[in-house]
């Protein structure tokens, strides 16, 4: 993915170590490059901020929080931040492990929908990652198919990662930070919970379960739960309406699985699962023969190619109109 922004970095060596290569992803506020770690010969990812946002204190804080999450939350499903540095314009950059799997978003584009068993297997793995993050006080706030990376391990096992903690919130966030976030929507509109859609900065783990429910809904039906002609209209629907049931579009889906998705996406957060562990216990019956299901799913992945939509990007918030 070509971009004129930060093009001057290509061919340079950052911190005397990372030789910057091609631009491989552009997000709302970030530009991502492939690079070679000249000390190890390893191919890595350099995540930078677009120049126009380089001095935005809020966005810089979020980029650094992503590194904080990677340091504090040790889990194979969270992409390691290998290093941090400062660009010549004094803005920060991160060095991340390079992933070459296939995003769930890309897989859905190929297949349209997934079976109930495949959906449950992926959701269970994502829930385990969320559980670890939540236990450390972090709420992702942007769970969606684009941020779920699937890969096939060296022995054919399924590997699942949850990308982009760039808009996550922390229970340790200051009141000043939360005050600055009030009235803003963090995340991707089609997957945010009603409390996120209303601009409430005091979200908890149940917001991520809503996003996971919306992701499952798309896996099972091929569509997002809500659509509208504008972002404002979409957010209003999320706040005011109960999500449609999966079986309305996919009547073949097991009614119990339909109910599980509906509970994840309950408009009132007290009606959702209380935490990711409780969700995991509820969905476990749908993944009988889990290891064989995971291996069969891993065999269908298209891996070893570059997918910009599977790269971690820095998202910008949307103001509620």
C-alpha atoms as a PDB file:
ATOM      1  CA  UNK A   1       0.000   0.000   0.000  1.00  0.00           C
ATOM      2  CA  UNK A   2       1.774   3.129  -1.203  1.00  0.00           C
ATOM      3  CA  UNK A   3       1.613   6.419   0.689  1.00  0.00           C
ATOM      4  CA  UNK A   4       3.397   9.727   0.185  1.00  0.00           C
ATOM      5  CA  UNK A   5       3.250  10.360   3.911  1.00  0.00           C
ATOM      6  CA  UNK A   6       6.437   9.380   5.706  1.00  0.00           C
ATOM      7  CA  UNK A   7       7.898   8.387   2.323  1.00  0.00           C
ATOM      8  CA  UNK A   8      11.173   9.977   3.399  1.00  0.00           C
ATOM      9  CA  UNK A   9      11.673   7.192   5.923  1.00  0.00           C
ATOM     10  CA  UNK A  10      12.120   4.551   3.243  1.00  0.00           C
ATOM     11  CA  UNK A  11      15.736   3.439   3.026  1.00  0.00           C
ATOM     12  CA  UNK A  12      16.723   5.159   6.261  1.00  0.00           C
ATOM     13  CA  UNK A  13      17.997   3.393   9.361  1.00  0.00           C
ATOM     14  CA  UNK A  14      16.176   4.216  12.590  1.00  0.00           C
ATOM     15  CA  UNK A  15      18.004   4.152  15.915  1.00  0.00           C
ATOM     16  CA  UNK A  16      21.041   2.773  14.065  1.00  0.00           C
ATOM     17  CA  UNK A  17      19.206  -0.533  13.738  1.00  0.00           C
ATOM     18  CA  UNK A  18      15.983  -0.673  11.672  1.00  0.00           C
ATOM     19  CA  UNK A  19      16.300  -0.209   7.903  1.00  0.00           C
ATOM     20  CA  UNK A  20      12.892   0.988   6.709  1.00  0.00           C
ATOM     21  CA  UNK A  21      11.383  -0.661   3.653  1.00  0.00           C
ATOM     22  CA  UNK A  22       8.019  -0.414   1.896  1.00  0.00           C
ATOM     23  CA  UNK A  23       4.873   1.098   3.303  1.00  0.00           C
ATOM     24  CA  UNK A  24       2.520  -1.794   4.019  1.00  0.00           C
ATOM     25  CA  UNK A  25      -0.417  -0.124   5.748  1.00  0.00           C
ATOM     26  CA  UNK A  26      -2.087   3.241   6.251  1.00  0.00           C
ATOM     27  CA  UNK A  27      -4.654   3.808   8.984  1.00  0.00           C
ATOM     28  CA  UNK A  28      -6.682   6.795  10.103  1.00  0.00           C
ATOM     29  CA  UNK A  29      -3.735   8.270  11.963  1.00  0.00           C
ATOM     30  CA  UNK A  30      -0.854   5.887  11.312  1.00  0.00           C
ATOM     31  CA  UNK A  31       1.532   4.739   8.605  1.00  0.00           C
ATOM     32  CA  UNK A  32       3.103   1.281   8.875  1.00  0.00           C
ATOM     33  CA  UNK A  33       6.319   0.107   7.207  1.00  0.00           C
ATOM     34  CA  UNK A  34       8.149  -3.141   6.856  1.00  0.00           C
ATOM     35  CA  UNK A  35      11.729  -2.973   8.078  1.00  0.00           C
ATOM     36  CA  UNK A  36      14.788  -5.137   8.646  1.00  0.00           C
ATOM     37  CA  UNK A  37      16.327  -5.359  12.085  1.00  0.00           C
ATOM     38  CA  UNK A  38      19.975  -5.169  11.049  1.00  0.00           C
ATOM     39  CA  UNK A  39      21.135  -6.579  14.369  1.00  0.00           C
ATOM     40  CA  UNK A  40      19.204  -9.830  13.955  1.00  0.00           C
ATOM     41  CA  UNK A  41      18.244  -9.957  10.278  1.00  0.00           C
ATOM     42  CA  UNK A  42      14.614 -10.231  11.363  1.00  0.00           C
ATOM     43  CA  UNK A  43      11.801  -8.604   9.353  1.00  0.00           C
ATOM     44  CA  UNK A  44       9.687  -6.379  11.598  1.00  0.00           C
ATOM     45  CA  UNK A  45       6.978  -3.738  11.372  1.00  0.00           C
ATOM     46  CA  UNK A  46       7.555  -0.065  12.109  1.00  0.00           C
ATOM     47  CA  UNK A  47       4.403   1.731  13.236  1.00  0.00           C
ATOM     48  CA  UNK A  48       4.512   5.529  12.945  1.00  0.00           C
ATOM     49  CA  UNK A  49       2.056   8.380  13.177  1.00  0.00           C
ATOM     50  CA  UNK A  50       0.997  10.433  10.210  1.00  0.00           C
ATOM     51  CA  UNK A  51       2.867  13.777  10.319  1.00  0.00           C
ATOM     52  CA  UNK A  52      -0.317  15.787  10.843  1.00  0.00           C
ATOM     53  CA  UNK A  53      -0.931  13.874  14.093  1.00  0.00           C
ATOM     54  CA  UNK A  54       2.679  13.612  15.259  1.00  0.00           C
ATOM     55  CA  UNK A  55       2.223  16.211  18.002  1.00  0.00           C
ATOM     56  CA  UNK A  56      -1.289  15.255  19.089  1.00  0.00           C
ATOM     57  CA  UNK A  57      -0.773  14.372  22.749  1.00  0.00           C
ATOM     58  CA  UNK A  58      -3.841  12.119  22.911  1.00  0.00           C
ATOM     59  CA  UNK A  59      -2.795  10.056  19.893  1.00  0.00           C
ATOM     60  CA  UNK A  60       0.807   9.836  21.068  1.00  0.00           C
ATOM     61  CA  UNK A  61      -0.459   8.566  24.419  1.00  0.00           C
ATOM     62  CA  UNK A  62      -2.499   5.861  22.679  1.00  0.00           C
ATOM     63  CA  UNK A  63       0.458   4.705  20.623  1.00  0.00           C
ATOM     64  CA  UNK A  64       2.523   4.397  23.776  1.00  0.00           C
ATOM     65  CA  UNK A  65      -0.312   2.598  25.555  1.00  0.00           C
ATOM     66  CA  UNK A  66      -0.186  -0.090  22.890  1.00  0.00           C
ATOM     67  CA  UNK A  67       3.432  -0.696  23.858  1.00  0.00           C
ATOM     68  CA  UNK A  68       2.424  -0.681  27.525  1.00  0.00           C
ATOM     69  CA  UNK A  69      -0.196  -3.383  26.898  1.00  0.00           C
ATOM     70  CA  UNK A  70       2.316  -5.574  25.067  1.00  0.00           C
ATOM     71  CA  UNK A  71       4.777  -5.252  27.967  1.00  0.00           C
ATOM     72  CA  UNK A  72       2.271  -5.919  30.751  1.00  0.00           C
ATOM     73  CA  UNK A  73      -0.092  -8.449  29.160  1.00  0.00           C
ATOM     74  CA  UNK A  74       1.911 -11.510  28.212  1.00  0.00           C
ATOM     75  CA  UNK A  75      -0.157 -13.743  25.950  1.00  0.00           C
ATOM     76  CA  UNK A  76       0.673 -15.532  22.669  1.00  0.00           C
ATOM     77  CA  UNK A  77      -2.361 -13.851  21.116  1.00  0.00           C
ATOM     78  CA  UNK A  78      -1.046 -10.316  21.690  1.00  0.00           C
ATOM     79  CA  UNK A  79       1.523  -9.139  19.159  1.00  0.00           C
ATOM     80  CA  UNK A  80       4.803  -8.290  20.914  1.00  0.00           C
ATOM     81  CA  UNK A  81       6.079  -4.728  20.724  1.00  0.00           C
ATOM     82  CA  UNK A  82       9.768  -5.413  20.303  1.00  0.00           C
ATOM     83  CA  UNK A  83      11.101  -1.898  20.687  1.00  0.00           C
ATOM     84  CA  UNK A  84      10.207   1.787  20.801  1.00  0.00           C
ATOM     85  CA  UNK A  85      11.989   4.788  19.354  1.00  0.00           C
ATOM     86  CA  UNK A  86      11.813   8.407  18.261  1.00  0.00           C
ATOM     87  CA  UNK A  87      11.698   9.607  14.649  1.00  0.00           C
ATOM     88  CA  UNK A  88      13.720  12.611  13.425  1.00  0.00           C
ATOM     89  CA  UNK A  89      10.616  14.813  13.880  1.00  0.00           C
ATOM     90  CA  UNK A  90      10.531  13.751  17.570  1.00  0.00           C
ATOM     91  CA  UNK A  91       7.370  11.655  17.203  1.00  0.00           C
ATOM     92  CA  UNK A  92       7.361   8.084  18.550  1.00  0.00           C
ATOM     93  CA  UNK A  93       7.403   4.824  16.637  1.00  0.00           C
ATOM     94  CA  UNK A  94       6.900   1.213  17.639  1.00  0.00           C
ATOM     95  CA  UNK A  95       8.629  -1.916  16.384  1.00  0.00           C
ATOM     96  CA  UNK A  96       6.305  -4.913  16.224  1.00  0.00           C
ATOM     97  CA  UNK A  97       6.599  -8.517  15.241  1.00  0.00           C
ATOM     98  CA  UNK A  98       5.717  -9.061  11.556  1.00  0.00           C
ATOM     99  CA  UNK A  99       2.632 -11.225  11.045  1.00  0.00           C
ATOM    100  CA  UNK A 100       1.929 -13.037   7.783  1.00  0.00           C
ATOM    101  CA  UNK A 101      -1.311 -14.832   8.493  1.00  0.00           C
ATOM    102  CA  UNK A 102      -4.806 -14.003   7.302  1.00  0.00           C
ATOM    103  CA  UNK A 103      -7.193 -11.654   9.042  1.00  0.00           C
ATOM    104  CA  UNK A 104     -10.689 -12.877   9.861  1.00  0.00           C
ATOM    105  CA  UNK A 105     -11.915 -10.000   7.731  1.00  0.00           C
ATOM    106  CA  UNK A 106     -10.010 -11.347   4.719  1.00  0.00           C
ATOM    107  CA  UNK A 107     -11.263 -14.880   5.371  1.00  0.00           C
ATOM    108  CA  UNK A 108     -14.867 -13.658   5.469  1.00  0.00           C
ATOM    109  CA  UNK A 109     -14.340 -11.889   2.157  1.00  0.00           C
ATOM    110  CA  UNK A 110     -13.310 -15.228   0.664  1.00  0.00           C
ATOM    111  CA  UNK A 111     -15.985 -17.398   2.244  1.00  0.00           C
ATOM    112  CA  UNK A 112     -18.857 -14.999   2.904  1.00  0.00           C
ATOM    113  CA  UNK A 113     -19.812 -16.718   6.168  1.00  0.00           C
ATOM    114  CA  UNK A 114     -18.421 -19.309   8.551  1.00  0.00           C
ATOM    115  CA  UNK A 115     -20.045 -22.287  10.199  1.00  0.00           C
ATOM    116  CA  UNK A 116     -21.220 -22.138  13.778  1.00  0.00           C
ATOM    117  CA  UNK A 117     -18.330 -24.381  14.864  1.00  0.00           C
ATOM    118  CA  UNK A 118     -15.688 -22.249  13.116  1.00  0.00           C
ATOM    119  CA  UNK A 119     -17.194 -19.075  14.549  1.00  0.00           C
ATOM    120  CA  UNK A 120     -17.251 -20.557  18.041  1.00  0.00           C
ATOM    121  CA  UNK A 121     -13.634 -21.756  17.822  1.00  0.00           C
ATOM    122  CA  UNK A 122     -12.388 -18.307  16.833  1.00  0.00           C
ATOM    123  CA  UNK A 123     -14.561 -16.514  19.392  1.00  0.00           C
ATOM    124  CA  UNK A 124     -13.333 -18.772  22.182  1.00  0.00           C
ATOM    125  CA  UNK A 125      -9.719 -17.990  21.333  1.00  0.00           C
ATOM    126  CA  UNK A 126     -10.377 -14.248  21.127  1.00  0.00           C
ATOM    127  CA  UNK A 127     -12.211 -14.376  24.457  1.00  0.00           C
ATOM    128  CA  UNK A 128      -9.143 -15.945  26.087  1.00  0.00           C
ATOM    129  CA  UNK A 129      -7.002 -13.028  24.868  1.00  0.00           C
ATOM    130  CA  UNK A 130      -9.561 -10.511  26.078  1.00  0.00           C
ATOM    131  CA  UNK A 131      -9.764 -12.217  29.460  1.00  0.00           C
ATOM    132  CA  UNK A 132      -6.021 -11.773  29.960  1.00  0.00           C
ATOM    133  CA  UNK A 133      -6.143  -8.117  28.877  1.00  0.00           C
ATOM    134  CA  UNK A 134      -9.168  -7.378  31.054  1.00  0.00           C
ATOM    135  CA  UNK A 135      -7.442  -8.927  34.071  1.00  0.00           C
ATOM    136  CA  UNK A 136      -4.687  -6.355  33.596  1.00  0.00           C
ATOM    137  CA  UNK A 137      -7.196  -3.509  33.457  1.00  0.00           C
ATOM    138  CA  UNK A 138      -7.357  -2.914  29.701  1.00  0.00           C
ATOM    139  CA  UNK A 139     -10.451  -2.727  27.484  1.00  0.00           C
ATOM    140  CA  UNK A 140      -9.634  -3.091  23.771  1.00  0.00           C
ATOM    141  CA  UNK A 141     -12.612  -1.017  22.459  1.00  0.00           C
ATOM    142  CA  UNK A 142     -12.143  -2.068  18.822  1.00  0.00           C
ATOM    143  CA  UNK A 143     -12.822  -5.811  18.537  1.00  0.00           C
ATOM    144  CA  UNK A 144     -13.758  -6.644  14.930  1.00  0.00           C
ATOM    145  CA  UNK A 145     -12.829  -9.125  12.167  1.00  0.00           C
ATOM    146  CA  UNK A 146     -10.078  -6.872  10.813  1.00  0.00           C
ATOM    147  CA  UNK A 147      -8.256  -7.104  14.136  1.00  0.00           C
ATOM    148  CA  UNK A 148      -8.438 -10.881  14.483  1.00  0.00           C
ATOM    149  CA  UNK A 149      -5.421 -12.479  12.809  1.00  0.00           C
ATOM    150  CA  UNK A 150      -5.406 -16.195  12.008  1.00  0.00           C
ATOM    151  CA  UNK A 151      -2.301 -18.182  11.176  1.00  0.00           C
ATOM    152  CA  UNK A 152      -1.139 -21.769  10.829  1.00  0.00           C
ATOM    153  CA  UNK A 153       1.618 -22.846  13.205  1.00  0.00           C
ATOM    154  CA  UNK A 154       4.623 -25.003  12.302  1.00  0.00           C
ATOM    155  CA  UNK A 155       2.739 -28.170  13.262  1.00  0.00           C
ATOM    156  CA  UNK A 156      -0.536 -27.165  11.608  1.00  0.00           C
ATOM    157  CA  UNK A 157      -2.088 -25.702  14.728  1.00  0.00           C
ATOM    158  CA  UNK A 158      -4.360 -22.647  14.629  1.00  0.00           C
ATOM    159  CA  UNK A 159      -2.803 -19.448  15.916  1.00  0.00           C
ATOM    160  CA  UNK A 160      -5.068 -16.511  16.805  1.00  0.00           C
ATOM    161  CA  UNK A 161      -3.965 -12.960  17.593  1.00  0.00           C
ATOM    162  CA  UNK A 162      -5.924  -9.855  18.552  1.00  0.00           C
ATOM    163  CA  UNK A 163      -4.377  -6.771  16.972  1.00  0.00           C
ATOM    164  CA  UNK A 164      -4.380  -3.054  17.643  1.00  0.00           C
ATOM    165  CA  UNK A 165      -4.678  -2.025  21.263  1.00  0.00           C
ATOM    166  CA  UNK A 166      -4.136   1.553  20.066  1.00  0.00           C
ATOM    167  CA  UNK A 167      -7.550   2.789  21.243  1.00  0.00           C
ATOM    168  CA  UNK A 168      -7.779   0.677  24.382  1.00  0.00           C
ATOM    169  CA  UNK A 169      -8.559   2.266  27.702  1.00  0.00           C
ATOM    170  CA  UNK A 170      -6.992   1.445  31.032  1.00  0.00           C
ATOM    171  CA  UNK A 171      -8.470   1.293  34.513  1.00  0.00           C
ATOM    172  CA  UNK A 172      -5.426   3.342  35.504  1.00  0.00           C
ATOM    173  CA  UNK A 173      -6.339   6.155  33.084  1.00  0.00           C
ATOM    174  CA  UNK A 174      -6.496   9.515  34.812  1.00  0.00           C
ATOM    175  CA  UNK A 175      -9.730  11.402  35.317  1.00  0.00           C
ATOM    176  CA  UNK A 176      -8.293  14.100  33.039  1.00  0.00           C
ATOM    177  CA  UNK A 177      -7.900  11.554  30.239  1.00  0.00           C
ATOM    178  CA  UNK A 178     -11.434  10.228  30.737  1.00  0.00           C
ATOM    179  CA  UNK A 179     -12.801  13.766  30.788  1.00  0.00           C
ATOM    180  CA  UNK A 180     -11.094  14.489  27.472  1.00  0.00           C
ATOM    181  CA  UNK A 181     -12.623  11.331  25.984  1.00  0.00           C
ATOM    182  CA  UNK A 182     -16.192  12.051  27.058  1.00  0.00           C
ATOM    183  CA  UNK A 183     -18.490  12.499  24.054  1.00  0.00           C
ATOM    184  CA  UNK A 184     -16.119  10.765  21.655  1.00  0.00           C
ATOM    185  CA  UNK A 185     -16.537   7.345  20.102  1.00  0.00           C
ATOM    186  CA  UNK A 186     -13.460   5.132  20.161  1.00  0.00           C
ATOM    187  CA  UNK A 187     -13.477   2.130  17.872  1.00  0.00           C
ATOM    188  CA  UNK A 188     -15.144   1.230  14.590  1.00  0.00           C
ATOM    189  CA  UNK A 189     -18.824   2.312  14.436  1.00  0.00           C
ATOM    190  CA  UNK A 190     -20.264  -0.983  13.157  1.00  0.00           C
ATOM    191  CA  UNK A 191     -18.858  -2.881  16.159  1.00  0.00           C
ATOM    192  CA  UNK A 192     -19.056  -0.449  19.093  1.00  0.00           C
ATOM    193  CA  UNK A 193     -21.298  -1.052  22.078  1.00  0.00           C
ATOM    194  CA  UNK A 194     -24.155   1.322  22.948  1.00  0.00           C
ATOM    195  CA  UNK A 195     -22.125   2.841  25.768  1.00  0.00           C
ATOM    196  CA  UNK A 196     -19.236   3.502  23.380  1.00  0.00           C
ATOM    197  CA  UNK A 197     -21.649   4.899  20.801  1.00  0.00           C
ATOM    198  CA  UNK A 198     -22.944   7.365  23.392  1.00  0.00           C
ATOM    199  CA  UNK A 199     -19.424   8.616  24.137  1.00  0.00           C
ATOM    200  CA  UNK A 200     -19.135   7.169  27.646  1.00  0.00           C
ATOM    201  CA  UNK A 201     -15.424   6.834  28.556  1.00  0.00           C
ATOM    202  CA  UNK A 202     -16.177   4.534  31.510  1.00  0.00           C
ATOM    203  CA  UNK A 203     -16.513   1.303  29.541  1.00  0.00           C
ATOM    204  CA  UNK A 204     -15.556  -2.102  30.880  1.00  0.00           C
ATOM    205  CA  UNK A 205     -14.974  -5.646  29.636  1.00  0.00           C
ATOM    206  CA  UNK A 206     -18.595  -5.950  28.533  1.00  0.00           C
ATOM    207  CA  UNK A 207     -17.957  -3.438  25.736  1.00  0.00           C
ATOM    208  CA  UNK A 208     -15.434  -5.852  24.231  1.00  0.00           C
ATOM    209  CA  UNK A 209     -17.940  -8.700  24.527  1.00  0.00           C
ATOM    210  CA  UNK A 210     -20.374  -6.607  22.500  1.00  0.00           C
ATOM    211  CA  UNK A 211     -17.699  -6.180  19.805  1.00  0.00           C
ATOM    212  CA  UNK A 212     -17.010  -9.905  19.893  1.00  0.00           C
ATOM    213  CA  UNK A 213     -20.743 -10.566  19.527  1.00  0.00           C
ATOM    214  CA  UNK A 214     -20.909  -8.235  16.518  1.00  0.00           C
ATOM    215  CA  UNK A 215     -17.922 -10.075  15.037  1.00  0.00           C
ATOM    216  CA  UNK A 216     -19.660 -13.413  15.520  1.00  0.00           C
ATOM    217  CA  UNK A 217     -22.819 -11.981  13.973  1.00  0.00           C
ATOM    218  CA  UNK A 218     -20.859 -11.067  10.842  1.00  0.00           C
ATOM    219  CA  UNK A 219     -19.191 -14.484  10.718  1.00  0.00           C
ATOM    220  CA  UNK A 220     -22.558 -16.247  10.845  1.00  0.00           C
ATOM    221  CA  UNK A 221     -24.611 -13.944   8.587  1.00  0.00           C
ATOM    222  CA  UNK A 222     -22.093 -12.198   6.327  1.00  0.00           C
ATOM    223  CA  UNK A 223     -23.432  -8.818   7.455  1.00  0.00           C
ATOM    224  CA  UNK A 224     -22.823  -6.355  10.271  1.00  0.00           C
ATOM    225  CA  UNK A 225     -25.691  -6.039  12.761  1.00  0.00           C
ATOM    226  CA  UNK A 226     -26.591  -2.425  11.976  1.00  0.00           C
ATOM    227  CA  UNK A 227     -26.256  -0.246   8.892  1.00  0.00           C
ATOM    228  CA  UNK A 228     -27.183   3.386   8.207  1.00  0.00           C
ATOM    229  CA  UNK A 229     -26.546   6.116   5.661  1.00  0.00           C
ATOM    230  CA  UNK A 230     -24.288   8.039   8.060  1.00  0.00           C
ATOM    231  CA  UNK A 231     -22.073   7.375  11.055  1.00  0.00           C
ATOM    232  CA  UNK A 232     -24.363   9.451  13.247  1.00  0.00           C
ATOM    233  CA  UNK A 233     -27.381   7.442  12.115  1.00  0.00           C
ATOM    234  CA  UNK A 234     -25.529   4.191  12.748  1.00  0.00           C
ATOM    235  CA  UNK A 235     -24.556   5.207  16.278  1.00  0.00           C
ATOM    236  CA  UNK A 236     -28.135   6.247  17.033  1.00  0.00           C
ATOM    237  CA  UNK A 237     -29.421   2.847  15.926  1.00  0.00           C
ATOM    238  CA  UNK A 238     -26.890   1.078  18.140  1.00  0.00           C
ATOM    239  CA  UNK A 239     -27.928   3.188  21.129  1.00  0.00           C
ATOM    240  CA  UNK A 240     -31.690   2.939  20.603  1.00  0.00           C
ATOM    241  CA  UNK A 241     -32.351  -0.456  19.011  1.00  0.00           C
ATOM    242  CA  UNK A 242     -31.943  -4.048  20.082  1.00  0.00           C
ATOM    243  CA  UNK A 243     -29.617  -5.899  17.705  1.00  0.00           C
ATOM    244  CA  UNK A 244     -31.331  -8.135  15.130  1.00  0.00           C
ATOM    245  CA  UNK A 245     -31.141 -11.851  15.750  1.00  0.00           C
ATOM    246  CA  UNK A 246     -28.708 -14.006  13.792  1.00  0.00           C
ATOM    247  CA  UNK A 247     -31.422 -16.461  12.760  1.00  0.00           C
ATOM    248  CA  UNK A 248     -33.324 -13.693  10.995  1.00  0.00           C
ATOM    249  CA  UNK A 249     -30.648 -13.810   8.272  1.00  0.00           C
ATOM    250  CA  UNK A 250     -29.248 -17.293   8.922  1.00  0.00           C
ATOM    251  CA  UNK A 251     -32.105 -19.580  10.060  1.00  0.00           C
ATOM    252  CA  UNK A 252     -29.811 -22.622   9.910  1.00  0.00           C
ATOM    253  CA  UNK A 253     -27.749 -21.367  12.880  1.00  0.00           C
ATOM    254  CA  UNK A 254     -28.322 -23.230  16.130  1.00  0.00           C
ATOM    255  CA  UNK A 255     -30.855 -21.345  18.262  1.00  0.00           C
ATOM    256  CA  UNK A 256     -28.638 -21.598  21.343  1.00  0.00           C
ATOM    257  CA  UNK A 257     -25.712 -20.033  19.476  1.00  0.00           C
ATOM    258  CA  UNK A 258     -28.065 -17.320  18.241  1.00  0.00           C
ATOM    259  CA  UNK A 259     -29.017 -16.653  21.851  1.00  0.00           C
ATOM    260  CA  UNK A 260     -25.400 -16.494  22.927  1.00  0.00           C
ATOM    261  CA  UNK A 261     -24.623 -13.849  20.295  1.00  0.00           C
ATOM    262  CA  UNK A 262     -27.721 -11.908  21.333  1.00  0.00           C
ATOM    263  CA  UNK A 263     -26.592 -11.913  24.947  1.00  0.00           C
ATOM    264  CA  UNK A 264     -23.148 -10.609  23.986  1.00  0.00           C
ATOM    265  CA  UNK A 265     -24.853  -7.764  22.145  1.00  0.00           C
ATOM    266  CA  UNK A 266     -27.523  -6.917  24.700  1.00  0.00           C
ATOM    267  CA  UNK A 267     -28.218  -3.184  24.612  1.00  0.00           C
ATOM    268  CA  UNK A 268     -28.070  -2.991  28.419  1.00  0.00           C
ATOM    269  CA  UNK A 269     -24.592  -4.062  29.482  1.00  0.00           C
ATOM    270  CA  UNK A 270     -25.828  -5.711  32.691  1.00  0.00           C
ATOM    271  CA  UNK A 271     -27.675  -8.177  30.443  1.00  0.00           C
ATOM    272  CA  UNK A 272     -24.453  -9.317  28.758  1.00  0.00           C
ATOM    273  CA  UNK A 273     -22.006 -11.897  30.017  1.00  0.00           C
ATOM    274  CA  UNK A 274     -20.236 -10.389  33.028  1.00  0.00           C
ATOM    275  CA  UNK A 275     -16.772 -11.163  31.681  1.00  0.00           C
ATOM    276  CA  UNK A 276     -14.871 -13.007  28.959  1.00  0.00           C
ATOM    277  CA  UNK A 277     -14.384 -16.100  31.118  1.00  0.00           C
ATOM    278  CA  UNK A 278     -18.153 -16.499  31.573  1.00  0.00           C
ATOM    279  CA  UNK A 279     -18.570 -16.122  27.816  1.00  0.00           C
ATOM    280  CA  UNK A 280     -15.907 -18.786  27.260  1.00  0.00           C
ATOM    281  CA  UNK A 281     -17.727 -21.245  29.487  1.00  0.00           C
ATOM    282  CA  UNK A 282     -20.976 -20.579  27.618  1.00  0.00           C
ATOM    283  CA  UNK A 283     -19.510 -21.113  24.150  1.00  0.00           C
ATOM    284  CA  UNK A 284     -17.359 -24.149  25.018  1.00  0.00           C
ATOM    285  CA  UNK A 285     -20.165 -26.664  24.207  1.00  0.00           C
ATOM    286  CA  UNK A 286     -20.103 -25.455  20.592  1.00  0.00           C
ATOM    287  CA  UNK A 287     -16.469 -26.484  20.099  1.00  0.00           C
ATOM    288  CA  UNK A 288     -16.570 -30.221  20.757  1.00  0.00           C
ATOM    289  CA  UNK A 289     -13.441 -31.764  19.260  1.00  0.00           C
ATOM    290  CA  UNK A 290     -11.737 -28.394  19.462  1.00  0.00           C
ATOM    291  CA  UNK A 291      -8.264 -29.435  18.328  1.00  0.00           C
ATOM    292  CA  UNK A 292      -9.513 -31.108  15.155  1.00  0.00           C
ATOM    293  CA  UNK A 293     -11.803 -28.142  14.430  1.00  0.00           C
ATOM    294  CA  UNK A 294      -8.898 -25.737  14.837  1.00  0.00           C
ATOM    295  CA  UNK A 295      -6.576 -27.748  12.589  1.00  0.00           C
ATOM    296  CA  UNK A 296      -9.209 -28.021   9.878  1.00  0.00           C
ATOM    297  CA  UNK A 297      -9.768 -24.276  10.040  1.00  0.00           C
ATOM    298  CA  UNK A 298      -6.020 -23.603   9.933  1.00  0.00           C
ATOM    299  CA  UNK A 299      -5.707 -25.710   6.769  1.00  0.00           C
ATOM    300  CA  UNK A 300      -8.130 -23.380   4.969  1.00  0.00           C
ATOM    301  CA  UNK A 301      -6.154 -20.230   5.695  1.00  0.00           C
ATOM    302  CA  UNK A 302      -4.255 -18.350   3.042  1.00  0.00           C
ATOM    303  CA  UNK A 303      -1.031 -17.552   4.854  1.00  0.00           C
ATOM    304  CA  UNK A 304       2.431 -16.349   3.944  1.00  0.00           C
ATOM    305  CA  UNK A 305       1.194 -13.259   2.083  1.00  0.00           C
ATOM    306  CA  UNK A 306       0.982  -9.626   3.085  1.00  0.00           C
ATOM    307  CA  UNK A 307      -2.441  -8.378   4.139  1.00  0.00           C
ATOM    308  CA  UNK A 308      -2.516  -4.669   5.055  1.00  0.00           C
ATOM    309  CA  UNK A 309      -5.887  -5.160   6.763  1.00  0.00           C
ATOM    310  CA  UNK A 310      -4.215  -7.539   9.191  1.00  0.00           C
ATOM    311  CA  UNK A 311      -1.653  -4.999  10.332  1.00  0.00           C
ATOM    312  CA  UNK A 312      -1.960  -3.007  13.499  1.00  0.00           C
ATOM    313  CA  UNK A 313      -2.972   0.581  12.760  1.00  0.00           C
ATOM    314  CA  UNK A 314      -3.633   3.683  14.803  1.00  0.00           C
ATOM    315  CA  UNK A 315      -7.342   4.503  14.726  1.00  0.00           C
ATOM    316  CA  UNK A 316      -8.780   7.970  15.138  1.00  0.00           C
ATOM    317  CA  UNK A 317     -11.840   8.550  17.266  1.00  0.00           C
ATOM    318  CA  UNK A 318     -15.173   9.720  15.853  1.00  0.00           C
ATOM    319  CA  UNK A 319     -16.970  12.595  17.510  1.00  0.00           C
ATOM    320  CA  UNK A 320     -20.631  11.969  18.236  1.00  0.00           C
ATOM    321  CA  UNK A 321     -22.713  14.543  16.405  1.00  0.00           C
END
